[in-house]
Amino acid sequence: MRSEFLDISETLIWASCLVLHSGPKDRHRIALAYHEAQELVDHIPLNNEDARSRITACFEKFDVCQVENDIACVGWMLMSIQQRVSEQNLYDWRELHDVVQKVVKLLPRPEPTVH
């Protein structure tokens, strides 16, 4: 039986490679999706420290982007991984957390919106 840690690690490697090999425009798209995902999950309450509903919401957006062959899917996947790792009940979750944070730091900060 495959471990969830291994599955998440492989997905994180996939996402990291896409970020590293993306040009400025694609990184910007990934960053926008990541920050949109952050806004979404901030409005979904945790259920006794369980982030499943947050993760599911990110997966739904990921699926839509992936079907459209949109690089933004990487931002949604990064947020879903971050939410799962934040539950702090995975083997070596701290190491996964560190990798997620390093990948996110590679993304440009979105421009602030003027209201």
PDB file of N, CA and C in Angstrom:
ATOM      1  N   MET A   1       0.830  -1.184   0.000  1.00  0.00           N
ATOM      2  CA  MET A   1       0.000   0.000   0.000  1.00  0.00           C
ATOM      3  C   MET A   1       0.877   1.252   0.000  1.00  0.00           C
ATOM      4  N   ARG A   2       0.588   2.159  -0.905  1.00  0.00           N
ATOM      5  CA  ARG A   2       1.352   3.403  -0.970  1.00  0.00           C
ATOM      6  C   ARG A   2       1.003   4.289   0.219  1.00  0.00           C
ATOM      7  N   SER A   3       1.970   5.033   0.655  1.00  0.00           N
ATOM      8  CA  SER A   3       1.705   5.928   1.779  1.00  0.00           C
ATOM      9  C   SER A   3       1.253   7.296   1.265  1.00  0.00           C
ATOM     10  N   GLU A   4       0.451   7.946   2.062  1.00  0.00           N
ATOM     11  CA  GLU A   4       0.003   9.292   1.710  1.00  0.00           C
ATOM     12  C   GLU A   4       1.197  10.237   1.638  1.00  0.00           C
ATOM     13  N   PHE A   5       2.164  10.045   2.528  1.00  0.00           N
ATOM     14  CA  PHE A   5       3.372  10.866   2.509  1.00  0.00           C
ATOM     15  C   PHE A   5       4.073  10.776   1.159  1.00  0.00           C
ATOM     16  N   LEU A   6       4.212   9.568   0.636  1.00  0.00           N
ATOM     17  CA  LEU A   6       4.861   9.376  -0.655  1.00  0.00           C
ATOM     18  C   LEU A   6       4.061  10.039  -1.774  1.00  0.00           C
ATOM     19  N   ASP A   7       2.746   9.877  -1.759  1.00  0.00           N
ATOM     20  CA  ASP A   7       1.901  10.508  -2.779  1.00  0.00           C
ATOM     21  C   ASP A   7       2.036  12.027  -2.747  1.00  0.00           C
ATOM     22  N   ILE A   8       1.986  12.592  -1.554  1.00  0.00           N
ATOM     23  CA  ILE A   8       2.108  14.045  -1.431  1.00  0.00           C
ATOM     24  C   ILE A   8       3.501  14.492  -1.858  1.00  0.00           C
ATOM     25  N   SER A   9       4.518  13.741  -1.484  1.00  0.00           N
ATOM     26  CA  SER A   9       5.893  14.088  -1.873  1.00  0.00           C
ATOM     27  C   SER A   9       6.053  14.118  -3.386  1.00  0.00           C
ATOM     28  N   GLU A  10       5.519  13.114  -4.063  1.00  0.00           N
ATOM     29  CA  GLU A  10       5.623  13.069  -5.526  1.00  0.00           C
ATOM     30  C   GLU A  10       4.853  14.217  -6.174  1.00  0.00           C
ATOM     31  N   THR A  11       3.699  14.541  -5.631  1.00  0.00           N
ATOM     32  CA  THR A  11       2.919  15.651  -6.166  1.00  0.00           C
ATOM     33  C   THR A  11       3.636  16.971  -5.916  1.00  0.00           C
ATOM     34  N   LEU A  12       4.271  17.099  -4.780  1.00  0.00           N
ATOM     35  CA  LEU A  12       5.029  18.305  -4.469  1.00  0.00           C
ATOM     36  C   LEU A  12       6.242  18.446  -5.387  1.00  0.00           C
ATOM     37  N   ILE A  13       6.872  17.347  -5.725  1.00  0.00           N
ATOM     38  CA  ILE A  13       7.982  17.387  -6.692  1.00  0.00           C
ATOM     39  C   ILE A  13       7.467  17.851  -8.049  1.00  0.00           C
ATOM     40  N   TRP A  14       6.331  17.312  -8.485  1.00  0.00           N
ATOM     41  CA  TRP A  14       5.712  17.721  -9.756  1.00  0.00           C
ATOM     42  C   TRP A  14       5.442  19.224  -9.753  1.00  0.00           C
ATOM     43  N   ALA A  15       4.808  19.716  -8.683  1.00  0.00           N
ATOM     44  CA  ALA A  15       4.470  21.139  -8.602  1.00  0.00           C
ATOM     45  C   ALA A  15       5.735  21.994  -8.560  1.00  0.00           C
ATOM     46  N   SER A  16       6.729  21.555  -7.812  1.00  0.00           N
ATOM     47  CA  SER A  16       7.988  22.292  -7.706  1.00  0.00           C
ATOM     48  C   SER A  16       8.674  22.411  -9.057  1.00  0.00           C
ATOM     49  N   CYS A  17       8.707  21.322  -9.800  1.00  0.00           N
ATOM     50  CA  CYS A  17       9.331  21.340 -11.130  1.00  0.00           C
ATOM     51  C   CYS A  17       8.610  22.310 -12.062  1.00  0.00           C
ATOM     52  N   LEU A  18       7.286  22.320 -12.004  1.00  0.00           N
ATOM     53  CA  LEU A  18       6.538  23.240 -12.855  1.00  0.00           C
ATOM     54  C   LEU A  18       6.819  24.691 -12.483  1.00  0.00           C
ATOM     55  N   VAL A  19       6.907  24.982 -11.205  1.00  0.00           N
ATOM     56  CA  VAL A  19       7.234  26.347 -10.780  1.00  0.00           C
ATOM     57  C   VAL A  19       8.641  26.708 -11.240  1.00  0.00           C
ATOM     58  N   LEU A  20       9.598  25.819 -11.007  1.00  0.00           N
ATOM     59  CA  LEU A  20      10.992  26.100 -11.356  1.00  0.00           C
ATOM     60  C   LEU A  20      11.206  26.284 -12.854  1.00  0.00           C
ATOM     61  N   HIS A  21      10.454  25.562 -13.671  1.00  0.00           N
ATOM     62  CA  HIS A  21      10.640  25.630 -15.116  1.00  0.00           C
ATOM     63  C   HIS A  21       9.692  26.606 -15.804  1.00  0.00           C
ATOM     64  N   SER A  22       8.913  27.326 -15.021  1.00  0.00           N
ATOM     65  CA  SER A  22       7.967  28.276 -15.595  1.00  0.00           C
ATOM     66  C   SER A  22       8.628  29.630 -15.797  1.00  0.00           C
ATOM     67  N   GLY A  23       8.178  30.301 -16.838  1.00  0.00           N
ATOM     68  CA  GLY A  23       8.615  31.666 -17.070  1.00  0.00           C
ATOM     69  C   GLY A  23       7.834  32.627 -16.186  1.00  0.00           C
ATOM     70  N   PRO A  24       8.149  33.913 -16.278  1.00  0.00           N
ATOM     71  CA  PRO A  24       7.496  34.910 -15.426  1.00  0.00           C
ATOM     72  C   PRO A  24       5.969  34.943 -15.545  1.00  0.00           C
ATOM     73  N   LYS A  25       5.447  34.821 -16.763  1.00  0.00           N
ATOM     74  CA  LYS A  25       3.988  34.860 -16.947  1.00  0.00           C
ATOM     75  C   LYS A  25       3.313  33.679 -16.265  1.00  0.00           C
ATOM     76  N   ASP A  26       3.868  32.492 -16.455  1.00  0.00           N
ATOM     77  CA  ASP A  26       3.284  31.298 -15.842  1.00  0.00           C
ATOM     78  C   ASP A  26       3.419  31.327 -14.320  1.00  0.00           C
ATOM     79  N   ARG A  27       4.552  31.797 -13.826  1.00  0.00           N
ATOM     80  CA  ARG A  27       4.708  31.903 -12.369  1.00  0.00           C
ATOM     81  C   ARG A  27       3.692  32.882 -11.796  1.00  0.00           C
ATOM     82  N   HIS A  28       3.440  33.945 -12.543  1.00  0.00           N
ATOM     83  CA  HIS A  28       2.434  34.915 -12.099  1.00  0.00           C
ATOM     84  C   HIS A  28       1.056  34.256 -12.034  1.00  0.00           C
ATOM     85  N   ARG A  29       0.718  33.449 -13.037  1.00  0.00           N
ATOM     86  CA  ARG A  29      -0.575  32.734 -13.045  1.00  0.00           C
ATOM     87  C   ARG A  29      -0.670  31.773 -11.859  1.00  0.00           C
ATOM     88  N   ILE A  30       0.414  31.059 -11.597  1.00  0.00           N
ATOM     89  CA  ILE A  30       0.439  30.134 -10.462  1.00  0.00           C
ATOM     90  C   ILE A  30       0.251  30.911  -9.154  1.00  0.00           C
ATOM     91  N   ALA A  31       0.957  32.034  -9.031  1.00  0.00           N
ATOM     92  CA  ALA A  31       0.856  32.850  -7.818  1.00  0.00           C
ATOM     93  C   ALA A  31      -0.556  33.381  -7.619  1.00  0.00           C
ATOM     94  N   LEU A  32      -1.179  33.846  -8.689  1.00  0.00           N
ATOM     95  CA  LEU A  32      -2.552  34.344  -8.577  1.00  0.00           C
ATOM     96  C   LEU A  32      -3.496  33.243  -8.107  1.00  0.00           C
ATOM     97  N   ALA A  33      -3.342  32.057  -8.671  1.00  0.00           N
ATOM     98  CA  ALA A  33      -4.189  30.931  -8.266  1.00  0.00           C
ATOM     99  C   ALA A  33      -3.926  30.555  -6.810  1.00  0.00           C
ATOM    100  N   TYR A  34      -2.667  30.543  -6.414  1.00  0.00           N
ATOM    101  CA  TYR A  34      -2.320  30.213  -5.028  1.00  0.00           C
ATOM    102  C   TYR A  34      -2.974  31.201  -4.062  1.00  0.00           C
ATOM    103  N   HIS A  35      -2.904  32.485  -4.382  1.00  0.00           N
ATOM    104  CA  HIS A  35      -3.488  33.498  -3.498  1.00  0.00           C
ATOM    105  C   HIS A  35      -5.011  33.471  -3.534  1.00  0.00           C
ATOM    106  N   GLU A  36      -5.578  33.137  -4.676  1.00  0.00           N
ATOM    107  CA  GLU A  36      -7.031  32.944  -4.751  1.00  0.00           C
ATOM    108  C   GLU A  36      -7.437  31.749  -3.882  1.00  0.00           C
ATOM    109  N   ALA A  37      -6.624  30.709  -3.924  1.00  0.00           N
ATOM    110  CA  ALA A  37      -6.884  29.529  -3.089  1.00  0.00           C
ATOM    111  C   ALA A  37      -6.783  29.884  -1.610  1.00  0.00           C
ATOM    112  N   GLN A  38      -5.817  30.726  -1.272  1.00  0.00           N
ATOM    113  CA  GLN A  38      -5.668  31.150   0.128  1.00  0.00           C
ATOM    114  C   GLN A  38      -6.916  31.888   0.596  1.00  0.00           C
ATOM    115  N   GLU A  39      -7.422  32.771  -0.252  1.00  0.00           N
ATOM    116  CA  GLU A  39      -8.651  33.497   0.096  1.00  0.00           C
ATOM    117  C   GLU A  39      -9.823  32.533   0.265  1.00  0.00           C
ATOM    118  N   LEU A  40      -9.905  31.544  -0.613  1.00  0.00           N
ATOM    119  CA  LEU A  40     -10.990  30.570  -0.525  1.00  0.00           C
ATOM    120  C   LEU A  40     -10.923  29.780   0.780  1.00  0.00           C
ATOM    121  N   VAL A  41      -9.763  29.220   1.089  1.00  0.00           N
ATOM    122  CA  VAL A  41      -9.663  28.379   2.287  1.00  0.00           C
ATOM    123  C   VAL A  41      -9.820  29.187   3.567  1.00  0.00           C
ATOM    124  N   ASP A  42      -9.474  30.466   3.518  1.00  0.00           N
ATOM    125  CA  ASP A  42      -9.660  31.310   4.701  1.00  0.00           C
ATOM    126  C   ASP A  42     -11.130  31.440   5.083  1.00  0.00           C
ATOM    127  N   HIS A  43     -12.013  31.213   4.117  1.00  0.00           N
ATOM    128  CA  HIS A  43     -13.451  31.327   4.371  1.00  0.00           C
ATOM    129  C   HIS A  43     -14.125  29.974   4.637  1.00  0.00           C
ATOM    130  N   ILE A  44     -13.352  28.906   4.650  1.00  0.00           N
ATOM    131  CA  ILE A  44     -13.900  27.575   4.936  1.00  0.00           C
ATOM    132  C   ILE A  44     -13.393  27.154   6.309  1.00  0.00           C
ATOM    133  N   PRO A  45     -14.298  26.990   7.267  1.00  0.00           N
ATOM    134  CA  PRO A  45     -13.842  26.647   8.621  1.00  0.00           C
ATOM    135  C   PRO A  45     -13.274  25.228   8.701  1.00  0.00           C
ATOM    136  N   LEU A  46     -12.310  25.078   9.598  1.00  0.00           N
ATOM    137  CA  LEU A  46     -11.788  23.745   9.903  1.00  0.00           C
ATOM    138  C   LEU A  46     -12.829  22.997  10.725  1.00  0.00           C
ATOM    139  N   ASN A  47     -12.839  21.693  10.579  1.00  0.00           N
ATOM    140  CA  ASN A  47     -13.745  20.848  11.347  1.00  0.00           C
ATOM    141  C   ASN A  47     -12.902  20.021  12.311  1.00  0.00           C
ATOM    142  N   ASN A  48     -12.742  20.492  13.546  1.00  0.00           N
ATOM    143  CA  ASN A  48     -11.891  19.812  14.534  1.00  0.00           C
ATOM    144  C   ASN A  48     -10.485  19.574  13.991  1.00  0.00           C
ATOM    145  N   GLU A  49      -9.876  20.617  13.447  1.00  0.00           N
ATOM    146  CA  GLU A  49      -8.526  20.568  12.869  1.00  0.00           C
ATOM    147  C   GLU A  49      -8.451  19.780  11.566  1.00  0.00           C
ATOM    148  N   ASP A  50      -9.566  19.322  11.047  1.00  0.00           N
ATOM    149  CA  ASP A  50      -9.621  18.582   9.784  1.00  0.00           C
ATOM    150  C   ASP A  50      -9.852  19.575   8.647  1.00  0.00           C
ATOM    151  N   ALA A  51      -8.971  19.567   7.671  1.00  0.00           N
ATOM    152  CA  ALA A  51      -9.038  20.513   6.560  1.00  0.00           C
ATOM    153  C   ALA A  51      -9.642  19.896   5.299  1.00  0.00           C
ATOM    154  N   ARG A  52     -10.319  18.761   5.417  1.00  0.00           N
ATOM    155  CA  ARG A  52     -10.836  18.059   4.232  1.00  0.00           C
ATOM    156  C   ARG A  52     -11.677  18.945   3.328  1.00  0.00           C
ATOM    157  N   SER A  53     -12.570  19.750   3.911  1.00  0.00           N
ATOM    158  CA  SER A  53     -13.423  20.587   3.061  1.00  0.00           C
ATOM    159  C   SER A  53     -12.590  21.631   2.318  1.00  0.00           C
ATOM    160  N   ARG A  54     -11.533  22.126   2.936  1.00  0.00           N
ATOM    161  CA  ARG A  54     -10.630  23.072   2.263  1.00  0.00           C
ATOM    162  C   ARG A  54      -9.881  22.373   1.125  1.00  0.00           C
ATOM    163  N   ILE A  55      -9.390  21.194   1.422  1.00  0.00           N
ATOM    164  CA  ILE A  55      -8.633  20.426   0.430  1.00  0.00           C
ATOM    165  C   ILE A  55      -9.526  20.072  -0.754  1.00  0.00           C
ATOM    166  N   THR A  56     -10.736  19.645  -0.478  1.00  0.00           N
ATOM    167  CA  THR A  56     -11.686  19.292  -1.536  1.00  0.00           C
ATOM    168  C   THR A  56     -11.988  20.492  -2.422  1.00  0.00           C
ATOM    169  N   ALA A  57     -12.174  21.658  -1.813  1.00  0.00           N
ATOM    170  CA  ALA A  57     -12.443  22.874  -2.593  1.00  0.00           C
ATOM    171  C   ALA A  57     -11.273  23.192  -3.522  1.00  0.00           C
ATOM    172  N   CYS A  58     -10.058  23.018  -3.032  1.00  0.00           N
ATOM    173  CA  CYS A  58      -8.873  23.261  -3.872  1.00  0.00           C
ATOM    174  C   CYS A  58      -8.768  22.231  -4.991  1.00  0.00           C
ATOM    175  N   PHE A  59      -9.065  20.977  -4.685  1.00  0.00           N
ATOM    176  CA  PHE A  59      -9.036  19.936  -5.715  1.00  0.00           C
ATOM    177  C   PHE A  59     -10.047  20.221  -6.818  1.00  0.00           C
ATOM    178  N   GLU A  60     -11.215  20.721  -6.446  1.00  0.00           N
ATOM    179  CA  GLU A  60     -12.235  21.030  -7.453  1.00  0.00           C
ATOM    180  C   GLU A  60     -11.729  22.102  -8.416  1.00  0.00           C
ATOM    181  N   LYS A  61     -11.101  23.141  -7.878  1.00  0.00           N
ATOM    182  CA  LYS A  61     -10.536  24.201  -8.731  1.00  0.00           C
ATOM    183  C   LYS A  61      -9.355  23.659  -9.542  1.00  0.00           C
ATOM    184  N   PHE A  62      -8.537  22.820  -8.912  1.00  0.00           N
ATOM    185  CA  PHE A  62      -7.413  22.197  -9.606  1.00  0.00           C
ATOM    186  C   PHE A  62      -7.908  21.424 -10.824  1.00  0.00           C
ATOM    187  N   ASP A  63      -8.941  20.616 -10.632  1.00  0.00           N
ATOM    188  CA  ASP A  63      -9.478  19.799 -11.726  1.00  0.00           C
ATOM    189  C   ASP A  63      -9.937  20.656 -12.900  1.00  0.00           C
ATOM    190  N   VAL A  64     -10.617  21.760 -12.608  1.00  0.00           N
ATOM    191  CA  VAL A  64     -11.092  22.660 -13.666  1.00  0.00           C
ATOM    192  C   VAL A  64      -9.905  23.234 -14.435  1.00  0.00           C
ATOM    193  N   CYS A  65      -8.908  23.710 -13.714  1.00  0.00           N
ATOM    194  CA  CYS A  65      -7.726  24.290 -14.365  1.00  0.00           C
ATOM    195  C   CYS A  65      -6.960  23.246 -15.171  1.00  0.00           C
ATOM    196  N   GLN A  66      -6.839  22.051 -14.625  1.00  0.00           N
ATOM    197  CA  GLN A  66      -6.083  21.007 -15.310  1.00  0.00           C
ATOM    198  C   GLN A  66      -6.763  20.597 -16.610  1.00  0.00           C
ATOM    199  N   VAL A  67      -8.087  20.492 -16.581  1.00  0.00           N
ATOM    200  CA  VAL A  67      -8.828  20.139 -17.799  1.00  0.00           C
ATOM    201  C   VAL A  67      -8.592  21.194 -18.882  1.00  0.00           C
ATOM    202  N   GLU A  68      -8.475  22.451 -18.453  1.00  0.00           N
ATOM    203  CA  GLU A  68      -8.240  23.551 -19.390  1.00  0.00           C
ATOM    204  C   GLU A  68      -6.757  23.719 -19.722  1.00  0.00           C
ATOM    205  N   ASN A  69      -5.919  22.814 -19.215  1.00  0.00           N
ATOM    206  CA  ASN A  69      -4.473  22.876 -19.420  1.00  0.00           C
ATOM    207  C   ASN A  69      -3.905  24.221 -18.958  1.00  0.00           C
ATOM    208  N   ASP A  70      -4.425  24.692 -17.828  1.00  0.00           N
ATOM    209  CA  ASP A  70      -4.050  25.985 -17.263  1.00  0.00           C
ATOM    210  C   ASP A  70      -3.009  25.765 -16.166  1.00  0.00           C
ATOM    211  N   ILE A  71      -1.866  26.413 -16.303  1.00  0.00           N
ATOM    212  CA  ILE A  71      -0.771  26.278 -15.333  1.00  0.00           C
ATOM    213  C   ILE A  71      -1.203  26.706 -13.928  1.00  0.00           C
ATOM    214  N   ALA A  72      -2.286  27.453 -13.834  1.00  0.00           N
ATOM    215  CA  ALA A  72      -2.800  27.884 -12.529  1.00  0.00           C
ATOM    216  C   ALA A  72      -3.150  26.693 -11.639  1.00  0.00           C
ATOM    217  N   CYS A  73      -3.347  25.530 -12.239  1.00  0.00           N
ATOM    218  CA  CYS A  73      -3.667  24.339 -11.438  1.00  0.00           C
ATOM    219  C   CYS A  73      -2.590  24.080 -10.390  1.00  0.00           C
ATOM    220  N   VAL A  74      -1.361  24.481 -10.673  1.00  0.00           N
ATOM    221  CA  VAL A  74      -0.262  24.260  -9.732  1.00  0.00           C
ATOM    222  C   VAL A  74      -0.495  25.042  -8.434  1.00  0.00           C
ATOM    223  N   GLY A  75      -0.989  26.262  -8.549  1.00  0.00           N
ATOM    224  CA  GLY A  75      -1.276  27.060  -7.356  1.00  0.00           C
ATOM    225  C   GLY A  75      -2.330  26.421  -6.480  1.00  0.00           C
ATOM    226  N   TRP A  76      -3.361  25.870  -7.126  1.00  0.00           N
ATOM    227  CA  TRP A  76      -4.420  25.188  -6.377  1.00  0.00           C
ATOM    228  C   TRP A  76      -3.893  23.924  -5.711  1.00  0.00           C
ATOM    229  N   MET A  77      -3.027  23.192  -6.399  1.00  0.00           N
ATOM    230  CA  MET A  77      -2.465  21.980  -5.808  1.00  0.00           C
ATOM    231  C   MET A  77      -1.541  22.321  -4.638  1.00  0.00           C
ATOM    232  N   LEU A  78      -0.736  23.364  -4.788  1.00  0.00           N
ATOM    233  CA  LEU A  78       0.133  23.764  -3.681  1.00  0.00           C
ATOM    234  C   LEU A  78      -0.676  24.092  -2.427  1.00  0.00           C
ATOM    235  N   MET A  79      -1.801  24.786  -2.622  1.00  0.00           N
ATOM    236  CA  MET A  79      -2.625  25.117  -1.457  1.00  0.00           C
ATOM    237  C   MET A  79      -3.252  23.867  -0.851  1.00  0.00           C
ATOM    238  N   SER A  80      -3.677  22.930  -1.686  1.00  0.00           N
ATOM    239  CA  SER A  80      -4.269  21.708  -1.129  1.00  0.00           C
ATOM    240  C   SER A  80      -3.226  20.926  -0.336  1.00  0.00           C
ATOM    241  N   ILE A  81      -2.005  20.874  -0.839  1.00  0.00           N
ATOM    242  CA  ILE A  81      -0.928  20.202  -0.103  1.00  0.00           C
ATOM    243  C   ILE A  81      -0.655  20.943   1.202  1.00  0.00           C
ATOM    244  N   GLN A  82      -0.587  22.258   1.119  1.00  0.00           N
ATOM    245  CA  GLN A  82      -0.325  23.047   2.319  1.00  0.00           C
ATOM    246  C   GLN A  82      -1.398  22.804   3.382  1.00  0.00           C
ATOM    247  N   GLN A  83      -2.639  22.731   2.954  1.00  0.00           N
ATOM    248  CA  GLN A  83      -3.724  22.492   3.907  1.00  0.00           C
ATOM    249  C   GLN A  83      -3.602  21.106   4.546  1.00  0.00           C
ATOM    250  N   ARG A  84      -3.264  20.108   3.756  1.00  0.00           N
ATOM    251  CA  ARG A  84      -3.119  18.745   4.305  1.00  0.00           C
ATOM    252  C   ARG A  84      -1.956  18.682   5.284  1.00  0.00           C
ATOM    253  N   VAL A  85      -0.836  19.276   4.904  1.00  0.00           N
ATOM    254  CA  VAL A  85       0.347  19.260   5.756  1.00  0.00           C
ATOM    255  C   VAL A  85       0.077  20.027   7.055  1.00  0.00           C
ATOM    256  N   SER A  86      -0.721  21.069   6.976  1.00  0.00           N
ATOM    257  CA  SER A  86      -1.035  21.885   8.154  1.00  0.00           C
ATOM    258  C   SER A  86      -1.833  21.128   9.208  1.00  0.00           C
ATOM    259  N   GLU A  87      -2.404  20.012   8.837  1.00  0.00           N
ATOM    260  CA  GLU A  87      -3.097  19.193   9.835  1.00  0.00           C
ATOM    261  C   GLU A  87      -2.111  18.562  10.822  1.00  0.00           C
ATOM    262  N   GLN A  88      -0.848  18.508  10.442  1.00  0.00           N
ATOM    263  CA  GLN A  88       0.255  18.062  11.294  1.00  0.00           C
ATOM    264  C   GLN A  88       0.118  16.621  11.785  1.00  0.00           C
ATOM    265  N   ASN A  89      -0.475  15.777  10.969  1.00  0.00           N
ATOM    266  CA  ASN A  89      -0.596  14.375  11.380  1.00  0.00           C
ATOM    267  C   ASN A  89      -0.038  13.410  10.334  1.00  0.00           C
ATOM    268  N   LEU A  90       0.778  13.924   9.444  1.00  0.00           N
ATOM    269  CA  LEU A  90       1.471  13.090   8.460  1.00  0.00           C
ATOM    270  C   LEU A  90       2.878  12.783   8.955  1.00  0.00           C
ATOM    271  N   TYR A  91       3.385  11.645   8.535  1.00  0.00           N
ATOM    272  CA  TYR A  91       4.779  11.314   8.789  1.00  0.00           C
ATOM    273  C   TYR A  91       5.646  12.414   8.170  1.00  0.00           C
ATOM    274  N   ASP A  92       6.600  12.936   8.910  1.00  0.00           N
ATOM    275  CA  ASP A  92       7.530  13.974   8.438  1.00  0.00           C
ATOM    276  C   ASP A  92       6.821  15.210   7.884  1.00  0.00           C
ATOM    277  N   TRP A  93       5.709  15.582   8.497  1.00  0.00           N
ATOM    278  CA  TRP A  93       4.953  16.732   8.004  1.00  0.00           C
ATOM    279  C   TRP A  93       5.778  18.012   8.031  1.00  0.00           C
ATOM    280  N   ARG A  94       6.697  18.142   8.982  1.00  0.00           N
ATOM    281  CA  ARG A  94       7.514  19.365   9.061  1.00  0.00           C
ATOM    282  C   ARG A  94       8.386  19.532   7.817  1.00  0.00           C
ATOM    283  N   GLU A  95       8.939  18.427   7.334  1.00  0.00           N
ATOM    284  CA  GLU A  95       9.768  18.496   6.133  1.00  0.00           C
ATOM    285  C   GLU A  95       8.928  18.899   4.923  1.00  0.00           C
ATOM    286  N   LEU A  96       7.744  18.324   4.818  1.00  0.00           N
ATOM    287  CA  LEU A  96       6.844  18.706   3.726  1.00  0.00           C
ATOM    288  C   LEU A  96       6.477  20.183   3.834  1.00  0.00           C
ATOM    289  N   HIS A  97       6.204  20.630   5.039  1.00  0.00           N
ATOM    290  CA  HIS A  97       5.860  22.034   5.266  1.00  0.00           C
ATOM    291  C   HIS A  97       6.990  22.943   4.776  1.00  0.00           C
ATOM    292  N   ASP A  98       8.227  22.588   5.118  1.00  0.00           N
ATOM    293  CA  ASP A  98       9.378  23.393   4.703  1.00  0.00           C
ATOM    294  C   ASP A  98       9.498  23.465   3.187  1.00  0.00           C
ATOM    295  N   VAL A  99       9.288  22.345   2.515  1.00  0.00           N
ATOM    296  CA  VAL A  99       9.379  22.327   1.051  1.00  0.00           C
ATOM    297  C   VAL A  99       8.273  23.180   0.439  1.00  0.00           C
ATOM    298  N   VAL A 100       7.050  23.041   0.942  1.00  0.00           N
ATOM    299  CA  VAL A 100       5.942  23.854   0.420  1.00  0.00           C
ATOM    300  C   VAL A 100       6.283  25.333   0.563  1.00  0.00           C
ATOM    301  N   GLN A 101       6.780  25.730   1.721  1.00  0.00           N
ATOM    302  CA  GLN A 101       7.106  27.139   1.950  1.00  0.00           C
ATOM    303  C   GLN A 101       8.199  27.627   0.995  1.00  0.00           C
ATOM    304  N   LYS A 102       9.177  26.792   0.723  1.00  0.00           N
ATOM    305  CA  LYS A 102      10.249  27.182  -0.202  1.00  0.00           C
ATOM    306  C   LYS A 102       9.723  27.348  -1.619  1.00  0.00           C
ATOM    307  N   VAL A 103       8.819  26.473  -2.031  1.00  0.00           N
ATOM    308  CA  VAL A 103       8.237  26.586  -3.376  1.00  0.00           C
ATOM    309  C   VAL A 103       7.387  27.847  -3.466  1.00  0.00           C
ATOM    310  N   VAL A 104       6.592  28.108  -2.451  1.00  0.00           N
ATOM    311  CA  VAL A 104       5.730  29.297  -2.450  1.00  0.00           C
ATOM    312  C   VAL A 104       6.576  30.571  -2.512  1.00  0.00           C
ATOM    313  N   LYS A 105       7.736  30.569  -1.872  1.00  0.00           N
ATOM    314  CA  LYS A 105       8.616  31.744  -1.908  1.00  0.00           C
ATOM    315  C   LYS A 105       9.149  32.026  -3.310  1.00  0.00           C
ATOM    316  N   LEU A 106       9.124  31.032  -4.183  1.00  0.00           N
ATOM    317  CA  LEU A 106       9.558  31.234  -5.570  1.00  0.00           C
ATOM    318  C   LEU A 106       8.515  31.984  -6.397  1.00  0.00           C
ATOM    319  N   LEU A 107       7.299  32.060  -5.874  1.00  0.00           N
ATOM    320  CA  LEU A 107       6.217  32.714  -6.610  1.00  0.00           C
ATOM    321  C   LEU A 107       6.251  34.215  -6.360  1.00  0.00           C
ATOM    322  N   PRO A 108       5.952  35.000  -7.396  1.00  0.00           N
ATOM    323  CA  PRO A 108       5.909  36.454  -7.190  1.00  0.00           C
ATOM    324  C   PRO A 108       4.727  36.834  -6.303  1.00  0.00           C
ATOM    325  N   ARG A 109       4.891  37.911  -5.586  1.00  0.00           N
ATOM    326  CA  ARG A 109       3.784  38.434  -4.777  1.00  0.00           C
ATOM    327  C   ARG A 109       2.799  39.117  -5.713  1.00  0.00           C
ATOM    328  N   PRO A 110       1.515  38.875  -5.490  1.00  0.00           N
ATOM    329  CA  PRO A 110       0.535  39.536  -6.361  1.00  0.00           C
ATOM    330  C   PRO A 110       0.496  41.036  -6.085  1.00  0.00           C
ATOM    331  N   GLU A 111       0.188  41.780  -7.124  1.00  0.00           N
ATOM    332  CA  GLU A 111       0.056  43.229  -6.985  1.00  0.00           C
ATOM    333  C   GLU A 111      -1.159  43.520  -6.115  1.00  0.00           C
ATOM    334  N   PRO A 112      -1.056  44.462  -5.184  1.00  0.00           N
ATOM    335  CA  PRO A 112      -2.238  44.790  -4.382  1.00  0.00           C
ATOM    336  C   PRO A 112      -3.316  45.424  -5.255  1.00  0.00           C
ATOM    337  N   THR A 113      -4.552  45.091  -4.953  1.00  0.00           N
ATOM    338  CA  THR A 113      -5.655  45.650  -5.726  1.00  0.00           C
ATOM    339  C   THR A 113      -6.102  46.958  -5.101  1.00  0.00           C
ATOM    340  N   VAL A 114      -6.493  47.889  -5.941  1.00  0.00           N
ATOM    341  CA  VAL A 114      -6.968  49.188  -5.482  1.00  0.00           C
ATOM    342  C   VAL A 114      -8.482  49.165  -5.515  1.00  0.00           C
ATOM    343  N   HIS A 115      -9.093  49.509  -4.394  1.00  0.00           N
ATOM    344  CA  HIS A 115     -10.560  49.517  -4.323  1.00  0.00           C
ATOM    345  C   HIS A 115     -11.078  50.923  -4.406  1.00  0.00           C
TER     346      HIS A 115
END
